[in-house]
PDB file of all heavy atoms in Angstrom:
ATOM      1  N   ASP A   1      44.926 114.534  50.035  1.00  0.00           N
ATOM      2  CA  ASP A   1      44.341 114.982  48.739  1.00  0.00           C
ATOM      3  C   ASP A   1      43.543 113.888  48.081  1.00  0.00           C
ATOM      4  O   ASP A   1      43.484 112.747  48.548  1.00  0.00           O
ATOM      5  CB  ASP A   1      45.507 115.305  47.746  1.00  0.00           C
ATOM      6  CG  ASP A   1      46.042 116.691  48.057  1.00  0.00           C
ATOM      7  OD1 ASP A   1      45.533 117.386  48.972  1.00  0.00           O
ATOM      8  OD2 ASP A   1      47.020 117.107  47.484  1.00  0.00           O
ATOM      9  N   SER A   2      42.924 114.176  46.916  1.00  0.00           N
ATOM     10  CA  SER A   2      42.074 113.190  46.189  1.00  0.00           C
ATOM     11  C   SER A   2      42.617 113.066  44.786  1.00  0.00           C
ATOM     12  O   SER A   2      43.306 113.891  44.222  1.00  0.00           O
ATOM     13  CB  SER A   2      40.644 113.749  46.204  1.00  0.00           C
ATOM     14  OG  SER A   2      40.060 113.763  47.421  1.00  0.00           O
ATOM     15  N   LEU A   3      42.299 111.982  44.196  1.00  0.00           N
ATOM     16  CA  LEU A   3      42.700 111.595  42.858  1.00  0.00           C
ATOM     17  C   LEU A   3      41.660 110.696  42.273  1.00  0.00           C
ATOM     18  O   LEU A   3      41.160 109.831  43.010  1.00  0.00           O
ATOM     19  CB  LEU A   3      44.108 110.919  42.905  1.00  0.00           C
ATOM     20  CG  LEU A   3      44.892 110.991  41.637  1.00  0.00           C
ATOM     21  CD1 LEU A   3      45.180 112.449  41.280  1.00  0.00           C
ATOM     22  CD2 LEU A   3      46.210 110.236  41.904  1.00  0.00           C
ATOM     23  N   ARG A   4      41.407 110.853  40.985  1.00  0.00           N
ATOM     24  CA  ARG A   4      40.518 109.943  40.229  1.00  0.00           C
ATOM     25  C   ARG A   4      41.244 109.229  39.161  1.00  0.00           C
ATOM     26  O   ARG A   4      41.745 109.819  38.200  1.00  0.00           O
ATOM     27  CB  ARG A   4      39.302 110.711  39.633  1.00  0.00           C
ATOM     28  CG  ARG A   4      38.245 109.832  39.167  1.00  0.00           C
ATOM     29  CD  ARG A   4      37.171 110.692  38.369  1.00  0.00           C
ATOM     30  NE  ARG A   4      35.986 109.951  38.130  1.00  0.00           N
ATOM     31  CZ  ARG A   4      34.899 110.367  37.338  1.00  0.00           C
ATOM     32  NH1 ARG A   4      35.071 111.527  36.746  1.00  0.00           N
ATOM     33  NH2 ARG A   4      33.938 109.619  37.149  1.00  0.00           N
ATOM     34  N   LEU A   5      41.216 107.896  39.202  1.00  0.00           N
ATOM     35  CA  LEU A   5      41.829 107.088  38.176  1.00  0.00           C
ATOM     36  C   LEU A   5      40.808 106.660  37.201  1.00  0.00           C
ATOM     37  O   LEU A   5      39.645 106.389  37.584  1.00  0.00           O
ATOM     38  CB  LEU A   5      42.512 105.851  38.846  1.00  0.00           C
ATOM     39  CG  LEU A   5      43.527 106.134  39.877  1.00  0.00           C
ATOM     40  CD1 LEU A   5      44.166 104.768  40.321  1.00  0.00           C
ATOM     41  CD2 LEU A   5      44.590 107.084  39.410  1.00  0.00           C
ATOM     42  N   SER A   6      41.127 106.491  35.968  1.00  0.00           N
ATOM     43  CA  SER A   6      40.229 106.033  34.921  1.00  0.00           C
ATOM     44  C   SER A   6      40.876 104.799  34.256  1.00  0.00           C
ATOM     45  O   SER A   6      42.085 104.675  34.185  1.00  0.00           O
ATOM     46  CB  SER A   6      40.007 107.074  33.914  1.00  0.00           C
ATOM     47  OG  SER A   6      39.314 108.169  34.421  1.00  0.00           O
ATOM     48  N   CYS A   7      40.059 103.984  33.742  1.00  0.00           N
ATOM     49  CA  CYS A   7      40.507 102.711  32.960  1.00  0.00           C
ATOM     50  C   CYS A   7      39.617 102.645  31.678  1.00  0.00           C
ATOM     51  O   CYS A   7      38.448 102.305  31.793  1.00  0.00           O
ATOM     52  CB  CYS A   7      40.427 101.474  33.793  1.00  0.00           C
ATOM     53  SG  CYS A   7      40.816 100.001  32.959  1.00  0.00           S
ATOM     54  N   ALA A   8      40.207 102.948  30.557  1.00  0.00           N
ATOM     55  CA  ALA A   8      39.441 102.849  29.281  1.00  0.00           C
ATOM     56  C   ALA A   8      39.684 101.476  28.705  1.00  0.00           C
ATOM     57  O   ALA A   8      40.771 100.894  28.756  1.00  0.00           O
ATOM     58  CB  ALA A   8      39.969 103.907  28.264  1.00  0.00           C
ATOM     59  N   THR A   9      38.506 100.910  28.258  1.00  0.00           N
ATOM     60  CA  THR A   9      38.595  99.473  27.715  1.00  0.00           C
ATOM     61  C   THR A   9      38.226  99.520  26.278  1.00  0.00           C
ATOM     62  O   THR A   9      37.537 100.356  25.784  1.00  0.00           O
ATOM     63  CB  THR A   9      37.722  98.560  28.538  1.00  0.00           C
ATOM     64  OG1 THR A   9      36.297  98.961  28.279  1.00  0.00           O
ATOM     65  CG2 THR A   9      37.962  98.594  29.938  1.00  0.00           C
ATOM     66  N   SER A  10      38.703  98.458  25.502  1.00  0.00           N
ATOM     67  CA  SER A  10      38.357  98.317  24.194  1.00  0.00           C
ATOM     68  C   SER A  10      38.494  96.803  23.848  1.00  0.00           C
ATOM     69  O   SER A  10      39.033  96.063  24.627  1.00  0.00           O
ATOM     70  CB  SER A  10      39.304  99.065  23.266  1.00  0.00           C
ATOM     71  OG  SER A  10      40.676  98.660  23.400  1.00  0.00           O
ATOM     72  N   GLY A  11      37.964  96.354  22.727  1.00  0.00           N
ATOM     73  CA  GLY A  11      37.947  95.041  22.353  1.00  0.00           C
ATOM     74  C   GLY A  11      36.571  94.374  22.582  1.00  0.00           C
ATOM     75  O   GLY A  11      35.571  94.798  21.947  1.00  0.00           O
ATOM     76  N   ARG A  12      36.528  93.353  23.466  1.00  0.00           N
ATOM     77  CA  ARG A  12      35.320  92.665  23.728  1.00  0.00           C
ATOM     78  C   ARG A  12      34.376  93.632  24.440  1.00  0.00           C
ATOM     79  O   ARG A  12      34.793  94.623  25.051  1.00  0.00           O
ATOM     80  CB  ARG A  12      35.594  91.519  24.704  1.00  0.00           C
ATOM     81  CG  ARG A  12      36.477  90.431  23.996  1.00  0.00           C
ATOM     82  CD  ARG A  12      35.728  89.650  23.048  1.00  0.00           C
ATOM     83  NE  ARG A  12      34.600  88.847  23.569  1.00  0.00           N
ATOM     84  CZ  ARG A  12      34.711  87.679  24.218  1.00  0.00           C
ATOM     85  NH1 ARG A  12      35.930  87.121  24.319  1.00  0.00           N
ATOM     86  NH2 ARG A  12      33.607  87.151  24.682  1.00  0.00           N
ATOM     87  N   PRO A  13      33.000  93.340  24.405  1.00  0.00           N
ATOM     88  CA  PRO A  13      32.066  94.170  25.054  1.00  0.00           C
ATOM     89  C   PRO A  13      32.383  94.377  26.601  1.00  0.00           C
ATOM     90  O   PRO A  13      32.710  93.374  27.269  1.00  0.00           O
ATOM     91  CB  PRO A  13      30.736  93.481  24.879  1.00  0.00           C
ATOM     92  CG  PRO A  13      30.958  92.718  23.594  1.00  0.00           C
ATOM     93  CD  PRO A  13      32.435  92.255  23.621  1.00  0.00           C
ATOM     94  N   PHE A  14      32.295  95.610  27.047  1.00  0.00           N
ATOM     95  CA  PHE A  14      32.670  96.000  28.349  1.00  0.00           C
ATOM     96  C   PHE A  14      31.633  95.715  29.442  1.00  0.00           C
ATOM     97  O   PHE A  14      32.000  95.349  30.549  1.00  0.00           O
ATOM     98  CB  PHE A  14      33.132  97.422  28.354  1.00  0.00           C
ATOM     99  CG  PHE A  14      33.330  98.011  29.724  1.00  0.00           C
ATOM    100  CD1 PHE A  14      34.466  97.671  30.448  1.00  0.00           C
ATOM    101  CD2 PHE A  14      32.389  98.844  30.277  1.00  0.00           C
ATOM    102  CE1 PHE A  14      34.780  98.291  31.673  1.00  0.00           C
ATOM    103  CE2 PHE A  14      32.593  99.417  31.544  1.00  0.00           C
ATOM    104  CZ  PHE A  14      33.801  99.174  32.207  1.00  0.00           C
ATOM    105  N   SER A  15      30.397  95.881  29.091  1.00  0.00           N
ATOM    106  CA  SER A  15      29.325  95.949  30.055  1.00  0.00           C
ATOM    107  C   SER A  15      29.169  94.710  30.863  1.00  0.00           C
ATOM    108  O   SER A  15      28.759  94.829  32.034  1.00  0.00           O
ATOM    109  CB  SER A  15      27.991  96.301  29.366  1.00  0.00           C
ATOM    110  OG  SER A  15      27.692  95.276  28.467  1.00  0.00           O
ATOM    111  N   ARG A  16      29.456  93.565  30.396  1.00  0.00           N
ATOM    112  CA  ARG A  16      29.261  92.251  31.129  1.00  0.00           C
ATOM    113  C   ARG A  16      30.455  91.806  31.961  1.00  0.00           C
ATOM    114  O   ARG A  16      30.410  90.743  32.614  1.00  0.00           O
ATOM    115  CB  ARG A  16      28.729  91.167  30.292  1.00  0.00           C
ATOM    116  CG  ARG A  16      27.488  91.557  29.477  1.00  0.00           C
ATOM    117  CD  ARG A  16      26.765  90.324  28.845  1.00  0.00           C
ATOM    118  NE  ARG A  16      26.338  89.414  29.818  1.00  0.00           N
ATOM    119  CZ  ARG A  16      25.093  89.463  30.266  1.00  0.00           C
ATOM    120  NH1 ARG A  16      24.244  90.464  29.995  1.00  0.00           N
ATOM    121  NH2 ARG A  16      24.705  88.539  31.167  1.00  0.00           N
ATOM    122  N   TYR A  17      31.520  92.518  31.880  1.00  0.00           N
ATOM    123  CA  TYR A  17      32.718  92.140  32.616  1.00  0.00           C
ATOM    124  C   TYR A  17      32.633  92.683  34.110  1.00  0.00           C
ATOM    125  O   TYR A  17      32.229  93.810  34.338  1.00  0.00           O
ATOM    126  CB  TYR A  17      33.933  92.732  32.045  1.00  0.00           C
ATOM    127  CG  TYR A  17      34.430  91.953  30.792  1.00  0.00           C
ATOM    128  CD1 TYR A  17      33.942  92.211  29.570  1.00  0.00           C
ATOM    129  CD2 TYR A  17      35.496  90.954  31.018  1.00  0.00           C
ATOM    130  CE1 TYR A  17      34.396  91.438  28.467  1.00  0.00           C
ATOM    131  CE2 TYR A  17      35.893  90.256  29.869  1.00  0.00           C
ATOM    132  CZ  TYR A  17      35.351  90.526  28.626  1.00  0.00           C
ATOM    133  OH  TYR A  17      35.873  89.817  27.526  1.00  0.00           O
ATOM    134  N   THR A  18      33.071  91.803  35.038  1.00  0.00           N
ATOM    135  CA  THR A  18      33.355  92.265  36.396  1.00  0.00           C
ATOM    136  C   THR A  18      34.691  93.030  36.287  1.00  0.00           C
ATOM    137  O   THR A  18      35.664  92.452  35.670  1.00  0.00           O
ATOM    138  CB  THR A  18      33.374  91.179  37.404  1.00  0.00           C
ATOM    139  OG1 THR A  18      32.095  90.649  37.540  1.00  0.00           O
ATOM    140  CG2 THR A  18      33.943  91.652  38.746  1.00  0.00           C
ATOM    141  N   MET A  19      34.835  94.120  36.908  1.00  0.00           N
ATOM    142  CA  MET A  19      36.037  94.929  36.843  1.00  0.00           C
ATOM    143  C   MET A  19      36.545  95.187  38.253  1.00  0.00           C
ATOM    144  O   MET A  19      35.895  95.083  39.292  1.00  0.00           O
ATOM    145  CB  MET A  19      35.768  96.294  36.228  1.00  0.00           C
ATOM    146  CG  MET A  19      35.195  96.236  34.813  1.00  0.00           C
ATOM    147  SD  MET A  19      36.348  95.615  33.611  1.00  0.00           S
ATOM    148  CE  MET A  19      37.551  96.951  33.547  1.00  0.00           C
ATOM    149  N   ALA A  20      37.856  95.432  38.276  1.00  0.00           N
ATOM    150  CA  ALA A  20      38.472  95.639  39.582  1.00  0.00           C
ATOM    151  C   ALA A  20      39.766  96.479  39.443  1.00  0.00           C
ATOM    152  O   ALA A  20      40.305  96.709  38.418  1.00  0.00           O
ATOM    153  CB  ALA A  20      38.922  94.277  40.240  1.00  0.00           C
ATOM    154  N   TRP A  21      40.128  97.060  40.637  1.00  0.00           N
ATOM    155  CA  TRP A  21      41.397  97.771  40.722  1.00  0.00           C
ATOM    156  C   TRP A  21      42.271  97.001  41.766  1.00  0.00           C
ATOM    157  O   TRP A  21      41.779  96.536  42.799  1.00  0.00           O
ATOM    158  CB  TRP A  21      41.196  99.161  41.310  1.00  0.00           C
ATOM    159  CG  TRP A  21      40.559 100.067  40.332  1.00  0.00           C
ATOM    160  CD1 TRP A  21      39.256 100.442  40.230  1.00  0.00           C
ATOM    161  CD2 TRP A  21      41.201 100.847  39.309  1.00  0.00           C
ATOM    162  NE1 TRP A  21      39.027 101.364  39.174  1.00  0.00           N
ATOM    163  CE2 TRP A  21      40.256 101.604  38.642  1.00  0.00           C
ATOM    164  CE3 TRP A  21      42.502 100.925  38.871  1.00  0.00           C
ATOM    165  CZ2 TRP A  21      40.503 102.464  37.615  1.00  0.00           C
ATOM    166  CZ3 TRP A  21      42.824 101.764  37.839  1.00  0.00           C
ATOM    167  CH2 TRP A  21      41.849 102.529  37.189  1.00  0.00           C
ATOM    168  N   PHE A  22      43.516  96.768  41.303  1.00  0.00           N
ATOM    169  CA  PHE A  22      44.550  96.328  42.196  1.00  0.00           C
ATOM    170  C   PHE A  22      45.698  97.301  42.279  1.00  0.00           C
ATOM    171  O   PHE A  22      45.733  98.265  41.469  1.00  0.00           O
ATOM    172  CB  PHE A  22      45.089  94.947  41.640  1.00  0.00           C
ATOM    173  CG  PHE A  22      44.150  93.811  41.668  1.00  0.00           C
ATOM    174  CD1 PHE A  22      43.093  93.668  40.721  1.00  0.00           C
ATOM    175  CD2 PHE A  22      44.247  92.858  42.656  1.00  0.00           C
ATOM    176  CE1 PHE A  22      42.253  92.642  40.794  1.00  0.00           C
ATOM    177  CE2 PHE A  22      43.391  91.803  42.787  1.00  0.00           C
ATOM    178  CZ  PHE A  22      42.355  91.655  41.776  1.00  0.00           C
ATOM    179  N   ARG A  23      46.585  97.074  43.209  1.00  0.00           N
ATOM    180  CA  ARG A  23      47.745  98.018  43.303  1.00  0.00           C
ATOM    181  C   ARG A  23      48.967  97.204  43.785  1.00  0.00           C
ATOM    182  O   ARG A  23      48.814  96.222  44.416  1.00  0.00           O
ATOM    183  CB  ARG A  23      47.424  99.119  44.294  1.00  0.00           C
ATOM    184  CG  ARG A  23      47.360  98.761  45.655  1.00  0.00           C
ATOM    185  CD  ARG A  23      46.946 100.025  46.531  1.00  0.00           C
ATOM    186  NE  ARG A  23      46.854  99.695  47.942  1.00  0.00           N
ATOM    187  CZ  ARG A  23      46.374 100.602  48.883  1.00  0.00           C
ATOM    188  NH1 ARG A  23      45.967 101.755  48.524  1.00  0.00           N
ATOM    189  NH2 ARG A  23      46.345 100.175  50.106  1.00  0.00           N
ATOM    190  N   GLN A  24      50.141  97.706  43.385  1.00  0.00           N
ATOM    191  CA  GLN A  24      51.352  97.121  43.863  1.00  0.00           C
ATOM    192  C   GLN A  24      52.319  98.159  44.271  1.00  0.00           C
ATOM    193  O   GLN A  24      52.763  98.977  43.424  1.00  0.00           O
ATOM    194  CB  GLN A  24      51.951  96.269  42.730  1.00  0.00           C
ATOM    195  CG  GLN A  24      53.116  95.447  43.095  1.00  0.00           C
ATOM    196  CD  GLN A  24      53.508  94.478  42.001  1.00  0.00           C
ATOM    197  OE1 GLN A  24      53.299  94.644  40.835  1.00  0.00           O
ATOM    198  NE2 GLN A  24      54.227  93.397  42.512  1.00  0.00           N
ATOM    199  N   ALA A  25      52.794  98.062  45.541  1.00  0.00           N
ATOM    200  CA  ALA A  25      53.737  98.989  46.055  1.00  0.00           C
ATOM    201  C   ALA A  25      55.130  98.445  45.866  1.00  0.00           C
ATOM    202  O   ALA A  25      55.287  97.229  45.676  1.00  0.00           O
ATOM    203  CB  ALA A  25      53.559  99.218  47.488  1.00  0.00           C
ATOM    204  N   PRO A  26      56.141  99.244  45.774  1.00  0.00           N
ATOM    205  CA  PRO A  26      57.522  98.720  45.531  1.00  0.00           C
ATOM    206  C   PRO A  26      57.961  97.695  46.548  1.00  0.00           C
ATOM    207  O   PRO A  26      57.763  97.873  47.746  1.00  0.00           O
ATOM    208  CB  PRO A  26      58.373 100.007  45.708  1.00  0.00           C
ATOM    209  CG  PRO A  26      57.459 101.173  45.314  1.00  0.00           C
ATOM    210  CD  PRO A  26      56.159 100.703  45.919  1.00  0.00           C
ATOM    211  N   GLY A  27      58.391  96.529  46.107  1.00  0.00           N
ATOM    212  CA  GLY A  27      58.879  95.493  46.917  1.00  0.00           C
ATOM    213  C   GLY A  27      57.752  94.671  47.512  1.00  0.00           C
ATOM    214  O   GLY A  27      58.093  93.758  48.338  1.00  0.00           O
ATOM    215  N   LYS A  28      56.522  94.866  47.140  1.00  0.00           N
ATOM    216  CA  LYS A  28      55.397  94.162  47.709  1.00  0.00           C
ATOM    217  C   LYS A  28      54.624  93.473  46.626  1.00  0.00           C
ATOM    218  O   LYS A  28      54.688  93.886  45.390  1.00  0.00           O
ATOM    219  CB  LYS A  28      54.530  95.043  48.514  1.00  0.00           C
ATOM    220  CG  LYS A  28      55.154  95.665  49.701  1.00  0.00           C
ATOM    221  CD  LYS A  28      54.210  96.474  50.527  1.00  0.00           C
ATOM    222  CE  LYS A  28      54.745  97.049  51.796  1.00  0.00           C
ATOM    223  NZ  LYS A  28      53.862  97.766  52.621  1.00  0.00           N
ATOM    224  N   GLU A  29      53.826  92.468  46.964  1.00  0.00           N
ATOM    225  CA  GLU A  29      52.961  91.818  46.049  1.00  0.00           C
ATOM    226  C   GLU A  29      51.813  92.665  45.652  1.00  0.00           C
ATOM    227  O   GLU A  29      51.358  93.573  46.426  1.00  0.00           O
ATOM    228  CB  GLU A  29      52.545  90.477  46.631  1.00  0.00           C
ATOM    229  CG  GLU A  29      53.607  89.455  46.806  1.00  0.00           C
ATOM    230  CD  GLU A  29      53.119  88.123  47.339  1.00  0.00           C
ATOM    231  OE1 GLU A  29      51.871  88.048  47.549  1.00  0.00           O
ATOM    232  OE2 GLU A  29      53.868  87.235  47.398  1.00  0.00           O
ATOM    233  N   ARG A  30      51.226  92.439  44.554  1.00  0.00           N
ATOM    234  CA  ARG A  30      50.001  93.098  44.064  1.00  0.00           C
ATOM    235  C   ARG A  30      48.800  92.701  45.028  1.00  0.00           C
ATOM    236  O   ARG A  30      48.582  91.575  45.299  1.00  0.00           O
ATOM    237  CB  ARG A  30      49.704  92.693  42.636  1.00  0.00           C
ATOM    238  CG  ARG A  30      48.568  93.542  42.002  1.00  0.00           C
ATOM    239  CD  ARG A  30      48.728  93.676  40.554  1.00  0.00           C
ATOM    240  NE  ARG A  30      48.849  92.419  39.850  1.00  0.00           N
ATOM    241  CZ  ARG A  30      49.202  92.324  38.550  1.00  0.00           C
ATOM    242  NH1 ARG A  30      49.396  93.367  37.819  1.00  0.00           N
ATOM    243  NH2 ARG A  30      49.270  91.112  38.030  1.00  0.00           N
ATOM    244  N   GLU A  31      48.017  93.698  45.321  1.00  0.00           N
ATOM    245  CA  GLU A  31      46.969  93.473  46.300  1.00  0.00           C
ATOM    246  C   GLU A  31      45.619  94.052  45.724  1.00  0.00           C
ATOM    247  O   GLU A  31      45.580  95.001  44.979  1.00  0.00           O
ATOM    248  CB  GLU A  31      47.242  94.125  47.695  1.00  0.00           C
ATOM    249  CG  GLU A  31      47.344  95.607  47.644  1.00  0.00           C
ATOM    250  CD  GLU A  31      47.544  96.187  49.046  1.00  0.00           C
ATOM    251  OE1 GLU A  31      47.507  95.453  50.013  1.00  0.00           O
ATOM    252  OE2 GLU A  31      47.695  97.383  49.171  1.00  0.00           O
ATOM    253  N   PHE A  32      44.560  93.461  46.146  1.00  0.00           N
ATOM    254  CA  PHE A  32      43.211  93.838  45.732  1.00  0.00           C
ATOM    255  C   PHE A  32      42.849  95.154  46.361  1.00  0.00           C
ATOM    256  O   PHE A  32      43.177  95.361  47.507  1.00  0.00           O
ATOM    257  CB  PHE A  32      42.269  92.780  46.150  1.00  0.00           C
ATOM    258  CG  PHE A  32      40.792  93.211  45.988  1.00  0.00           C
ATOM    259  CD1 PHE A  32      40.115  93.218  44.790  1.00  0.00           C
ATOM    260  CD2 PHE A  32      40.060  93.566  47.173  1.00  0.00           C
ATOM    261  CE1 PHE A  32      38.860  93.635  44.685  1.00  0.00           C
ATOM    262  CE2 PHE A  32      38.764  93.886  46.993  1.00  0.00           C
ATOM    263  CZ  PHE A  32      38.119  93.923  45.800  1.00  0.00           C
ATOM    264  N   VAL A  33      42.109  95.969  45.567  1.00  0.00           N
ATOM    265  CA  VAL A  33      41.668  97.292  46.067  1.00  0.00           C
ATOM    266  C   VAL A  33      40.077  97.254  46.100  1.00  0.00           C
ATOM    267  O   VAL A  33      39.478  97.597  47.122  1.00  0.00           O
ATOM    268  CB  VAL A  33      42.199  98.480  45.312  1.00  0.00           C
ATOM    269  CG1 VAL A  33      41.607  99.724  45.804  1.00  0.00           C
ATOM    270  CG2 VAL A  33      43.633  98.493  45.421  1.00  0.00           C
ATOM    271  N   ALA A  34      39.522  97.135  44.978  1.00  0.00           N
ATOM    272  CA  ALA A  34      38.047  97.156  44.845  1.00  0.00           C
ATOM    273  C   ALA A  34      37.563  96.474  43.602  1.00  0.00           C
ATOM    274  O   ALA A  34      38.354  96.338  42.603  1.00  0.00           O
ATOM    275  CB  ALA A  34      37.609  98.681  44.828  1.00  0.00           C
ATOM    276  N   THR A  35      36.309  96.022  43.601  1.00  0.00           N
ATOM    277  CA  THR A  35      35.743  95.339  42.428  1.00  0.00           C
ATOM    278  C   THR A  35      34.267  95.787  42.291  1.00  0.00           C
ATOM    279  O   THR A  35      33.623  96.294  43.217  1.00  0.00           O
ATOM    280  CB  THR A  35      35.801  93.876  42.598  1.00  0.00           C
ATOM    281  OG1 THR A  35      35.341  93.218  41.347  1.00  0.00           O
ATOM    282  CG2 THR A  35      34.972  93.340  43.762  1.00  0.00           C
ATOM    283  N   ILE A  36      33.762  95.704  41.033  1.00  0.00           N
ATOM    284  CA  ILE A  36      32.371  96.039  40.710  1.00  0.00           C
ATOM    285  C   ILE A  36      31.866  95.211  39.702  1.00  0.00           C
ATOM    286  O   ILE A  36      32.563  94.780  38.686  1.00  0.00           O
ATOM    287  CB  ILE A  36      32.343  97.549  40.301  1.00  0.00           C
ATOM    288  CG1 ILE A  36      30.914  98.030  40.054  1.00  0.00           C
ATOM    289  CG2 ILE A  36      33.252  97.751  39.044  1.00  0.00           C
ATOM    290  CD1 ILE A  36      30.755  99.495  39.929  1.00  0.00           C
ATOM    291  N   THR A  37      30.625  94.714  39.797  1.00  0.00           N
ATOM    292  CA  THR A  37      30.022  93.877  38.780  1.00  0.00           C
ATOM    293  C   THR A  37      29.642  94.655  37.489  1.00  0.00           C
ATOM    294  O   THR A  37      29.639  95.955  37.498  1.00  0.00           O
ATOM    295  CB  THR A  37      28.838  93.199  39.352  1.00  0.00           C
ATOM    296  OG1 THR A  37      27.799  94.114  39.744  1.00  0.00           O
ATOM    297  CG2 THR A  37      29.122  92.311  40.491  1.00  0.00           C
ATOM    298  N   TRP A  38      29.259  93.984  36.484  1.00  0.00           N
ATOM    299  CA  TRP A  38      28.858  94.556  35.260  1.00  0.00           C
ATOM    300  C   TRP A  38      27.687  95.473  35.432  1.00  0.00           C
ATOM    301  O   TRP A  38      27.612  96.404  34.640  1.00  0.00           O
ATOM    302  CB  TRP A  38      28.693  93.538  34.160  1.00  0.00           C
ATOM    303  CG  TRP A  38      27.472  92.629  34.263  1.00  0.00           C
ATOM    304  CD1 TRP A  38      27.328  91.540  34.954  1.00  0.00           C
ATOM    305  CD2 TRP A  38      26.118  92.893  33.722  1.00  0.00           C
ATOM    306  NE1 TRP A  38      26.028  91.016  34.912  1.00  0.00           N
ATOM    307  CE2 TRP A  38      25.339  91.903  34.057  1.00  0.00           C
ATOM    308  CE3 TRP A  38      25.666  93.915  32.938  1.00  0.00           C
ATOM    309  CZ2 TRP A  38      24.029  91.774  33.683  1.00  0.00           C
ATOM    310  CZ3 TRP A  38      24.343  93.842  32.466  1.00  0.00           C
ATOM    311  CH2 TRP A  38      23.572  92.788  32.867  1.00  0.00           C
ATOM    312  N   THR A  39      26.796  95.148  36.278  1.00  0.00           N
ATOM    313  CA  THR A  39      25.601  95.910  36.486  1.00  0.00           C
ATOM    314  C   THR A  39      25.915  97.195  37.290  1.00  0.00           C
ATOM    315  O   THR A  39      25.098  98.115  37.257  1.00  0.00           O
ATOM    316  CB  THR A  39      24.485  95.159  37.212  1.00  0.00           C
ATOM    317  OG1 THR A  39      24.978  94.864  38.465  1.00  0.00           O
ATOM    318  CG2 THR A  39      24.113  93.891  36.422  1.00  0.00           C
TER     319      THR A  39
END
């Protein structure tokens, strides 16, 4: 199946931040998933 996650931000300006998704499975360390630049 498919799923779409969202991340809403507030506070400092969002546009110039590099953003990323990480994930953590039970009993495991958090791991990198994907990243995207501000552009």
